C-alpha atoms as a PDB file:
ATOM      1  CA  MET A   1       0.000   0.000   0.000  1.00  0.00           C
ATOM      2  CA  GLU A   2       2.921   2.360   0.633  1.00  0.00           C
ATOM      3  CA  GLU A   3       3.837   2.199  -3.049  1.00  0.00           C
ATOM      4  CA  ARG A   4       0.245   3.043  -4.025  1.00  0.00           C
ATOM      5  CA  ILE A   5       0.222   6.045  -1.685  1.00  0.00           C
ATOM      6  CA  LYS A   6       3.552   7.157  -3.134  1.00  0.00           C
ATOM      7  CA  GLU A   7       2.059   7.017  -6.633  1.00  0.00           C
ATOM      8  CA  LEU A   8      -0.992   8.966  -5.479  1.00  0.00           C
ATOM      9  CA  ARG A   9       1.269  11.609  -3.901  1.00  0.00           C
ATOM     10  CA  ALA A  10       2.988  12.094  -7.257  1.00  0.00           C
ATOM     11  CA  ARG A  11      -0.375  12.577  -8.976  1.00  0.00           C
ATOM     12  CA  LEU A  12      -1.478  14.944  -6.210  1.00  0.00           C
ATOM     13  CA  LYS A  13       1.585  17.138  -6.740  1.00  0.00           C
ATOM     14  CA  LYS A  14       0.475  17.668 -10.329  1.00  0.00           C
ATOM     15  CA  PHE A  15      -3.064  18.548  -9.261  1.00  0.00           C
ATOM     16  CA  ILE A  16      -2.218  21.018  -6.465  1.00  0.00           C
ATOM     17  CA  PRO A  17      -1.168  23.845  -8.866  1.00  0.00           C
ATOM     18  CA  ILE A  18      -4.586  23.521 -10.537  1.00  0.00           C
ATOM     19  CA  ILE A  19      -6.475  24.098  -7.287  1.00  0.00           C
ATOM     20  CA  LYS A  20      -4.031  26.830  -6.208  1.00  0.00           C
ATOM     21  CA  GLU A  21      -4.773  28.728  -9.398  1.00  0.00           C
ATOM     22  CA  ALA A  22      -8.498  28.195  -8.848  1.00  0.00           C
ATOM     23  CA  LYS A  23      -8.143  29.650  -5.360  1.00  0.00           C
ATOM     24  CA  GLU A  24      -6.250  32.682  -6.648  1.00  0.00           C
ATOM     25  CA  LYS A  25      -8.915  33.339  -9.290  1.00  0.00           C
ATOM     26  CA  SER A  26     -11.824  32.703  -6.856  1.00  0.00           C
ATOM     27  CA  ILE A  27     -13.612  30.562  -9.430  1.00  0.00           C
ATOM     28  CA  ASN A  28     -17.337  29.873  -9.073  1.00  0.00           C
ATOM     29  CA  GLU A  29     -19.061  26.681  -7.897  1.00  0.00           C
ATOM     30  CA  ALA A  30     -19.537  25.166 -11.349  1.00  0.00           C
ATOM     31  CA  ASP A  31     -15.855  25.581 -12.241  1.00  0.00           C
ATOM     32  CA  THR A  32     -14.828  24.266  -8.813  1.00  0.00           C
ATOM     33  CA  ARG A  33     -16.993  21.205  -9.363  1.00  0.00           C
ATOM     34  CA  MET A  34     -15.243  20.612 -12.685  1.00  0.00           C
ATOM     35  CA  ARG A  35     -11.838  20.600 -10.955  1.00  0.00           C
ATOM     36  CA  ILE A  36     -13.083  18.261  -8.225  1.00  0.00           C
ATOM     37  CA  ARG A  37     -14.163  15.884 -10.965  1.00  0.00           C
ATOM     38  CA  VAL A  38     -10.676  16.092 -12.455  1.00  0.00           C
ATOM     39  CA  MET A  39      -9.200  15.299  -9.033  1.00  0.00           C
ATOM     40  CA  PHE A  40     -11.329  12.160  -8.754  1.00  0.00           C
ATOM     41  CA  SER A  41     -10.143  11.135 -12.197  1.00  0.00           C
ATOM     42  CA  ASP A  42      -6.467  12.133 -12.232  1.00  0.00           C
ATOM     43  CA  VAL A  43      -5.591  11.639  -8.555  1.00  0.00           C
ATOM     44  CA  LEU A  44      -8.035   9.004  -7.268  1.00  0.00           C
ATOM     45  CA  CYS A  45      -8.136   6.998 -10.522  1.00  0.00           C
ATOM     46  CA  TYR A  46     -11.866   6.906 -11.233  1.00  0.00           C
ATOM     47  CA  ASP A  47     -13.086   6.737 -14.818  1.00  0.00           C
ATOM     48  CA  ILE A  48     -14.316  10.263 -15.474  1.00  0.00           C
ATOM     49  CA  LEU A  49     -17.001   9.011 -17.887  1.00  0.00           C
ATOM     50  CA  GLU A  50     -18.137   5.767 -16.275  1.00  0.00           C
ATOM     51  CA  ASP A  51     -17.627   6.335 -12.535  1.00  0.00           C
ATOM     52  CA  ILE A  52     -18.487  10.018 -12.024  1.00  0.00           C
ATOM     53  CA  THR A  53     -21.893  11.421 -12.976  1.00  0.00           C
ATOM     54  CA  GLN A  54     -24.016  14.508 -12.377  1.00  0.00           C
ATOM     55  CA  GLU A  55     -27.344  12.936 -13.237  1.00  0.00           C
ATOM     56  CA  HIS A  56     -28.524  11.478  -9.905  1.00  0.00           C
ATOM     57  CA  MET A  57     -31.558  13.281  -8.494  1.00  0.00           C
ATOM     58  CA  VAL A  58     -32.562  13.425  -4.810  1.00  0.00           C
ATOM     59  CA  GLN A  59     -35.451  15.571  -3.544  1.00  0.00           C
ATOM     60  CA  SER A  60     -35.815  17.245  -6.965  1.00  0.00           C
ATOM     61  CA  HIS A  61     -32.143  18.197  -6.761  1.00  0.00           C
ATOM     62  CA  TYR A  62     -29.292  16.808  -8.801  1.00  0.00           C
ATOM     63  CA  VAL A  63     -26.439  15.642  -6.588  1.00  0.00           C
ATOM     64  CA  ASP A  64     -23.316  17.604  -7.560  1.00  0.00           C
ATOM     65  CA  LEU A  65     -21.275  14.456  -8.187  1.00  0.00           C
ATOM     66  CA  THR A  66     -22.219  10.811  -7.800  1.00  0.00           C
ATOM     67  CA  VAL A  67     -19.331   8.342  -7.657  1.00  0.00           C
ATOM     68  CA  LYS A  68     -19.978   4.768  -8.744  1.00  0.00           C
ATOM     69  CA  ILE A  69     -18.095   1.497  -9.149  1.00  0.00           C
ATOM     70  CA  LYS A  70     -19.598  -0.976 -11.618  1.00  0.00           C
ATOM     71  CA  GLY A  71     -22.826   1.005 -11.565  1.00  0.00           C
ATOM     72  CA  GLU A  72     -23.213   0.919  -7.782  1.00  0.00           C
ATOM     73  CA  ILE A  73     -23.269   4.270  -5.968  1.00  0.00           C
ATOM     74  CA  ILE A  74     -20.551   4.475  -3.322  1.00  0.00           C
ATOM     75  CA  LEU A  75     -20.380   8.191  -2.620  1.00  0.00           C
ATOM     76  CA  PHE A  76     -22.254  11.475  -2.997  1.00  0.00           C
ATOM     77  CA  VAL A  77     -20.181  14.643  -3.405  1.00  0.00           C
ATOM     78  CA  GLU A  78     -21.553  18.057  -2.434  1.00  0.00           C
ATOM     79  CA  ALA A  79     -19.361  20.753  -3.989  1.00  0.00           C
ATOM     80  CA  LYS A  80     -19.089  24.404  -3.008  1.00  0.00           C
ATOM     81  CA  SER A  81     -17.097  27.188  -4.618  1.00  0.00           C
ATOM     82  CA  VAL A  82     -13.413  27.284  -3.809  1.00  0.00           C
ATOM     83  CA  ASP A  83     -13.811  30.405  -1.629  1.00  0.00           C
ATOM     84  CA  THR A  84     -16.739  29.034   0.376  1.00  0.00           C
ATOM     85  CA  THR A  85     -15.997  28.187   4.007  1.00  0.00           C
ATOM     86  CA  LEU A  86     -17.552  24.795   4.718  1.00  0.00           C
ATOM     87  CA  ARG A  87     -20.092  25.153   7.517  1.00  0.00           C
ATOM     88  CA  ASP A  88     -22.504  22.954   9.472  1.00  0.00           C
ATOM     89  CA  THR A  89     -25.367  24.055   7.233  1.00  0.00           C
ATOM     90  CA  HIS A  90     -23.495  22.691   4.225  1.00  0.00           C
ATOM     91  CA  ALA A  91     -22.800  19.434   6.068  1.00  0.00           C
ATOM     92  CA  TYR A  92     -26.497  19.126   6.918  1.00  0.00           C
ATOM     93  CA  GLN A  93     -27.423  19.630   3.273  1.00  0.00           C
ATOM     94  CA  ALA A  94     -24.899  17.047   2.080  1.00  0.00           C
ATOM     95  CA  THR A  95     -25.812  14.385   4.642  1.00  0.00           C
ATOM     96  CA  ASN A  96     -29.527  14.996   4.117  1.00  0.00           C
ATOM     97  CA  TYR A  97     -29.180  14.229   0.400  1.00  0.00           C
ATOM     98  CA  ALA A  98     -27.183  11.093   1.214  1.00  0.00           C
ATOM     99  CA  ALA A  99     -29.703   9.920   3.813  1.00  0.00           C
ATOM    100  CA  THR A 100     -32.629  10.451   1.453  1.00  0.00           C
ATOM    101  CA  GLY A 101     -30.754   8.699  -1.343  1.00  0.00           C
ATOM    102  CA  GLY A 102     -29.821   5.756   0.889  1.00  0.00           C
ATOM    103  CA  VAL A 103     -26.081   6.354   0.495  1.00  0.00           C
ATOM    104  CA  ASN A 104     -23.954   5.990   3.631  1.00  0.00           C
ATOM    105  CA  LEU A 105     -20.984   8.108   2.530  1.00  0.00           C
ATOM    106  CA  CYS A 106     -20.961  11.717   1.405  1.00  0.00           C
ATOM    107  CA  LEU A 107     -18.124  14.127   0.764  1.00  0.00           C
ATOM    108  CA  LEU A 108     -18.438  17.862   1.315  1.00  0.00           C
ATOM    109  CA  THR A 109     -15.711  19.855  -0.423  1.00  0.00           C
ATOM    110  CA  ASN A 110     -14.732  23.187  -1.924  1.00  0.00           C
ATOM    111  CA  GLY A 111     -11.781  21.660  -3.770  1.00  0.00           C
ATOM    112  CA  VAL A 112      -9.380  22.582  -0.976  1.00  0.00           C
ATOM    113  CA  ASP A 113     -11.088  21.277   2.157  1.00  0.00           C
ATOM    114  CA  TYR A 114     -12.563  17.792   2.151  1.00  0.00           C
ATOM    115  CA  LYS A 115     -14.946  16.413   4.810  1.00  0.00           C
ATOM    116  CA  LEU A 116     -16.151  12.825   4.613  1.00  0.00           C
ATOM    117  CA  TYR A 117     -19.301  11.856   6.505  1.00  0.00           C
ATOM    118  CA  TYR A 118     -20.469   8.337   7.343  1.00  0.00           C
ATOM    119  CA  LEU A 119     -24.197   7.752   7.852  1.00  0.00           C
ATOM    120  CA  THR A 120     -25.869   5.060   9.933  1.00  0.00           C
ATOM    121  CA  TRP A 121     -29.559   4.236  10.210  1.00  0.00           C
ATOM    122  CA  ASP A 122     -31.067   3.344  13.604  1.00  0.00           C
ATOM    123  CA  LYS A 123     -34.745   2.580  13.045  1.00  0.00           C
ATOM    124  CA  ALA A 124     -36.176   5.936  11.897  1.00  0.00           C
ATOM    125  CA  LYS A 125     -33.160   7.955  13.014  1.00  0.00           C
ATOM    126  CA  VAL A 126     -30.162   8.760  10.822  1.00  0.00           C
ATOM    127  CA  GLU A 127     -26.840   9.673  12.394  1.00  0.00           C
ATOM    128  CA  ASN A 128     -23.850  11.110  10.584  1.00  0.00           C
ATOM    129  CA  ASN A 129     -20.246  11.176  11.722  1.00  0.00           C
ATOM    130  CA  LEU A 130     -17.345  13.167  10.338  1.00  0.00           C
ATOM    131  CA  ILE A 131     -14.757  10.437   9.808  1.00  0.00           C
ATOM    132  CA  LEU A 132     -12.171  12.174   7.615  1.00  0.00           C
ATOM    133  CA  SER A 133     -11.084  15.766   7.150  1.00  0.00           C
ATOM    134  CA  LEU A 134      -8.223  17.278   5.185  1.00  0.00           C
ATOM    135  CA  ASN A 135      -6.930  20.416   3.475  1.00  0.00           C
ATOM    136  CA  ILE A 136      -4.808  19.733   0.413  1.00  0.00           C
ATOM    137  CA  LEU A 137      -3.062  23.108   0.496  1.00  0.00           C
ATOM    138  CA  ASP A 138      -2.270  23.602   4.198  1.00  0.00           C
ATOM    139  CA  GLU A 139      -1.532  20.082   5.427  1.00  0.00           C
ATOM    140  CA  ASP A 140       1.620  18.051   4.847  1.00  0.00           C
ATOM    141  CA  ILE A 141       1.376  16.398   1.430  1.00  0.00           C
ATOM    142  CA  ASN A 142       2.334  12.988   2.827  1.00  0.00           C
ATOM    143  CA  GLU A 143      -0.546  13.090   5.309  1.00  0.00           C
ATOM    144  CA  VAL A 144      -2.915  14.356   2.630  1.00  0.00           C
ATOM    145  CA  ALA A 145      -1.918  11.525   0.291  1.00  0.00           C
ATOM    146  CA  GLU A 146      -2.573   8.922   2.997  1.00  0.00           C
ATOM    147  CA  LYS A 147      -6.008  10.367   3.706  1.00  0.00           C
ATOM    148  CA  LEU A 148      -6.940  10.805   0.046  1.00  0.00           C
ATOM    149  CA  PHE A 149      -5.945   7.225  -0.692  1.00  0.00           C
ATOM    150  CA  LEU A 150      -8.925   6.131   1.403  1.00  0.00           C
ATOM    151  CA  LEU A 151     -11.168   7.854  -1.152  1.00  0.00           C
ATOM    152  CA  SER A 152      -9.456   6.239  -4.131  1.00  0.00           C
ATOM    153  CA  LYS A 153     -11.114   3.689  -6.370  1.00  0.00           C
ATOM    154  CA  GLU A 154      -8.625   1.065  -5.212  1.00  0.00           C
ATOM    155  CA  SER A 155      -9.535   1.686  -1.563  1.00  0.00           C
ATOM    156  CA  PHE A 156     -13.225   1.102  -2.243  1.00  0.00           C
ATOM    157  CA  LYS A 157     -12.633  -1.962  -4.423  1.00  0.00           C
ATOM    158  CA  LYS A 158     -10.354  -3.631  -1.870  1.00  0.00           C
ATOM    159  CA  GLY A 159     -12.439  -2.736   1.192  1.00  0.00           C
ATOM    160  CA  MET A 160      -9.787  -0.465   2.732  1.00  0.00           C
ATOM    161  CA  ILE A 161     -12.303   2.311   3.328  1.00  0.00           C
ATOM    162  CA  ASP A 162     -14.567  -0.179   5.138  1.00  0.00           C
ATOM    163  CA  LYS A 163     -11.756  -1.168   7.510  1.00  0.00           C
ATOM    164  CA  TYR A 164     -10.993   2.489   8.173  1.00  0.00           C
ATOM    165  CA  ILE A 165     -14.657   3.245   8.921  1.00  0.00           C
ATOM    166  CA  ALA A 166     -14.879   0.271  11.294  1.00  0.00           C
ATOM    167  CA  GLU A 167     -11.809   1.488  13.185  1.00  0.00           C
ATOM    168  CA  VAL A 168     -12.888   5.128  13.409  1.00  0.00           C
ATOM    169  CA  THR A 169     -16.453   4.388  14.479  1.00  0.00           C
ATOM    170  CA  SER A 170     -15.331   1.764  17.008  1.00  0.00           C
ATOM    171  CA  LEU A 171     -13.009   4.296  18.648  1.00  0.00           C
ATOM    172  CA  GLU A 172     -15.628   7.016  19.036  1.00  0.00           C
ATOM    173  CA  ASN A 173     -15.755   8.631  22.477  1.00  0.00           C
ATOM    174  CA  LYS A 174     -19.086   6.997  23.255  1.00  0.00           C
ATOM    175  CA  ASN A 175     -17.691   3.505  22.670  1.00  0.00           C
ATOM    176  CA  LEU A 176     -14.453   4.213  24.536  1.00  0.00           C
ATOM    177  CA  LEU A 177     -16.356   5.585  27.513  1.00  0.00           C
ATOM    178  CA  GLN A 178     -18.730   2.636  27.463  1.00  0.00           C
ATOM    179  CA  ALA A 179     -15.764   0.267  27.536  1.00  0.00           C
ATOM    180  CA  MET A 180     -14.166   2.195  30.400  1.00  0.00           C
ATOM    181  CA  LEU A 181     -17.371   2.068  32.479  1.00  0.00           C
ATOM    182  CA  SER A 182     -17.855  -1.674  32.193  1.00  0.00           C
ATOM    183  CA  LYS A 183     -17.427  -3.650  35.417  1.00  0.00           C
ATOM    184  CA  ARG A 184     -14.555  -5.636  33.943  1.00  0.00           C
ATOM    185  CA  THR A 185     -12.614  -2.493  33.001  1.00  0.00           C
ATOM    186  CA  LEU A 186     -13.297  -0.713  36.311  1.00  0.00           C
ATOM    187  CA  SER A 187     -12.110  -3.798  38.165  1.00  0.00           C
ATOM    188  CA  ALA A 188      -8.934  -3.939  36.070  1.00  0.00           C
ATOM    189  CA  ILE A 189      -8.242  -0.220  36.652  1.00  0.00           C
ATOM    190  CA  ARG A 190      -8.815  -0.664  40.389  1.00  0.00           C
ATOM    191  CA  LEU A 191      -6.302  -3.514  40.489  1.00  0.00           C
ATOM    192  CA  GLU A 192      -3.737  -1.594  38.441  1.00  0.00           C
ATOM    193  CA  LEU A 193      -4.113   1.487  40.656  1.00  0.00           C
ATOM    194  CA  LYS A 194      -3.485  -0.682  43.697  1.00  0.00           C
ATOM    195  CA  ASN A 195      -0.300  -1.995  42.076  1.00  0.00           C
ATOM    196  CA  ILE A 196       0.811   1.567  41.305  1.00  0.00           C
ATOM    197  CA  THR A 197      -0.225   3.389  44.486  1.00  0.00           C
ATOM    198  CA  GLY A 198      -0.665   0.656  47.056  1.00  0.00           C
ATOM    199  CA  HIS A 199      -4.155   1.982  47.850  1.00  0.00           C
ATOM    200  CA  ASN A 200      -7.534   0.328  47.418  1.00  0.00           C
ATOM    201  CA  ILE A 201      -9.751   2.724  45.459  1.00  0.00           C
ATOM    202  CA  LYS A 202     -13.465   2.091  45.146  1.00  0.00           C
ATOM    203  CA  GLU A 203     -14.806   1.534  41.646  1.00  0.00           C
ATOM    204  CA  GLU A 204     -17.368   4.303  42.219  1.00  0.00           C
ATOM    205  CA  ALA A 205     -14.532   6.800  42.759  1.00  0.00           C
ATOM    206  CA  ILE A 206     -12.790   5.597  39.593  1.00  0.00           C
ATOM    207  CA  GLU A 207     -16.011   5.990  37.636  1.00  0.00           C
ATOM    208  CA  ARG A 208     -16.476   9.546  38.923  1.00  0.00           C
ATOM    209  CA  SER A 209     -12.952  10.458  37.793  1.00  0.00           C
ATOM    210  CA  ILE A 210     -13.538   8.938  34.361  1.00  0.00           C
ATOM    211  CA  SER A 211     -16.806  10.856  33.972  1.00  0.00           C
ATOM    212  CA  LYS A 212     -14.930  14.159  34.371  1.00  0.00           C
ATOM    213  CA  LEU A 213     -12.954  13.419  31.200  1.00  0.00           C
ATOM    214  CA  PHE A 214     -16.106  13.544  29.055  1.00  0.00           C
ATOM    215  CA  SER A 215     -19.202  15.697  28.754  1.00  0.00           C
ATOM    216  CA  ALA A 216     -22.101  14.987  31.096  1.00  0.00           C
ATOM    217  CA  ASP A 217     -24.408  14.169  28.179  1.00  0.00           C
ATOM    218  CA  LEU A 218     -21.973  11.655  26.724  1.00  0.00           C
ATOM    219  CA  TYR A 219     -21.446  10.085  30.146  1.00  0.00           C
ATOM    220  CA  ASP A 220     -25.211   9.645  30.611  1.00  0.00           C
ATOM    221  CA  VAL A 221     -25.549   7.990  27.199  1.00  0.00           C
ATOM    222  CA  ALA A 222     -22.613   5.632  27.790  1.00  0.00           C
ATOM    223  CA  LYS A 223     -23.775   4.775  31.305  1.00  0.00           C
ATOM    224  CA  ALA A 224     -27.244   3.917  30.001  1.00  0.00           C
ATOM    225  CA  CYS A 225     -25.675   1.628  27.373  1.00  0.00           C
ATOM    226  CA  VAL A 226     -23.589  -0.120  30.054  1.00  0.00           C
ATOM    227  CA  LYS A 227     -26.662  -0.706  32.216  1.00  0.00           C
ATOM    228  CA  ARG A 228     -28.556  -2.183  29.254  1.00  0.00           C
ATOM    229  CA  GLN A 229     -25.673  -4.536  28.518  1.00  0.00           C
ATOM    230  CA  GLU A 230     -25.511  -5.611  32.163  1.00  0.00           C
ATOM    231  CA  ARG A 231     -29.263  -6.309  32.225  1.00  0.00           C
ATOM    232  CA  LYS A 232     -28.944  -8.416  29.074  1.00  0.00           C
ATOM    233  CA  LYS A 233     -26.150 -10.479  30.644  1.00  0.00           C
ATOM    234  CA  GLU A 234     -28.147 -10.962  33.836  1.00  0.00           C
ATOM    235  CA  LYS A 235     -31.183 -12.071  31.836  1.00  0.00           C
ATOM    236  CA  ILE A 236     -29.125 -14.593  29.884  1.00  0.00           C
ATOM    237  CA  ILE A 237     -27.687 -15.999  33.125  1.00  0.00           C
ATOM    238  CA  GLU A 238     -31.157 -16.234  34.700  1.00  0.00           C
ATOM    239  CA  GLN A 239     -32.531 -18.044  31.664  1.00  0.00           C
ATOM    240  CA  SER A 240     -29.583 -20.416  31.675  1.00  0.00           C
ATOM    241  CA  GLU A 241     -30.019 -21.230  35.358  1.00  0.00           C
ATOM    242  CA  ALA A 242     -33.784 -21.712  34.939  1.00  0.00           C
ATOM    243  CA  GLN A 243     -33.379 -24.399  32.285  1.00  0.00           C
ATOM    244  CA  PRO A 244     -33.640 -27.922  33.742  1.00  0.00           C
ATOM    245  CA  ILE A 245     -30.533 -30.017  33.475  1.00  0.00           C
ATOM    246  CA  ALA A 246     -31.111 -32.871  31.084  1.00  0.00           C
ATOM    247  CA  GLN A 247     -30.764 -36.248  32.804  1.00  0.00           C
ATOM    248  CA  PRO A 248     -28.735 -38.872  31.003  1.00  0.00           C
ATOM    249  CA  VAL A 249     -30.838 -41.600  29.452  1.00  0.00           C
ATOM    250  CA  ALA A 250     -29.989 -45.028  30.808  1.00  0.00           C
ATOM    251  CA  ALA A 251     -28.925 -47.575  28.243  1.00  0.00           C
ATOM    252  CA  PRO A 252     -31.439 -50.377  27.739  1.00  0.00           C
ATOM    253  CA  GLU A 253     -30.572 -53.613  29.538  1.00  0.00           C
ATOM    254  CA  THR A 254     -29.573 -56.523  27.363  1.00  0.00           C
ATOM    255  CA  ASP A 255     -30.860 -60.027  28.027  1.00  0.00           C
ATOM    256  CA  LYS A 256     -28.355 -62.118  29.888  1.00  0.00           C
ATOM    257  CA  GLU A 257     -27.605 -65.550  28.530  1.00  0.00           C
ATOM    258  CA  THR A 258     -28.720 -68.427  30.749  1.00  0.00           C
END
């Protein structure tokens, strides 16, 4: 993969002057969108005719760019002019189109800044998470190349983007806090603190200290999740204990010879 990122970095170096010039000229949204399409083609290796379209409609609105692989939509792109500062209202617009269109990835960009959102559906509720952010002009080109590679056609075809999403979403603060508040983790921390300090600290005190590292709202959500998990475990144990133990069936006696 390092070789592939190196190749992408070389292609990116050729593209950067194009977007720099666009920034200097303050080009409009349509011209910015054209350059973003070129970036997907020349840097990320998508087929500009087969993989990138502007014909997908959602809520009576044509998505700026729709990226496909073998006809399957993998990404919506919401493009703004190169001078537009990307704001929460733009992110809401982009993710709303993706949610309505049933696409779980959308990219908000002005050609310089890129923000990738991942959508999940929980019953009637849709949540979106910012999982990748970069600036191709201000950030180190090596870091930009590594991040952009995740958006490449090769990354999608080989499932690299899926592995990245799994890692990022698993390490969200909510999940980390939930793991830290579990009885098993609190017990392990208590034991390790005793080894370090020589003092026995109550798990309640450890939990209070952990809660101060996160917002109160996040703590309440994580704590509620932990309690639900504990109730599920208790229910499983109760059901297991309530089941009668099957008695072994005695083998039939054989007639003894006389």
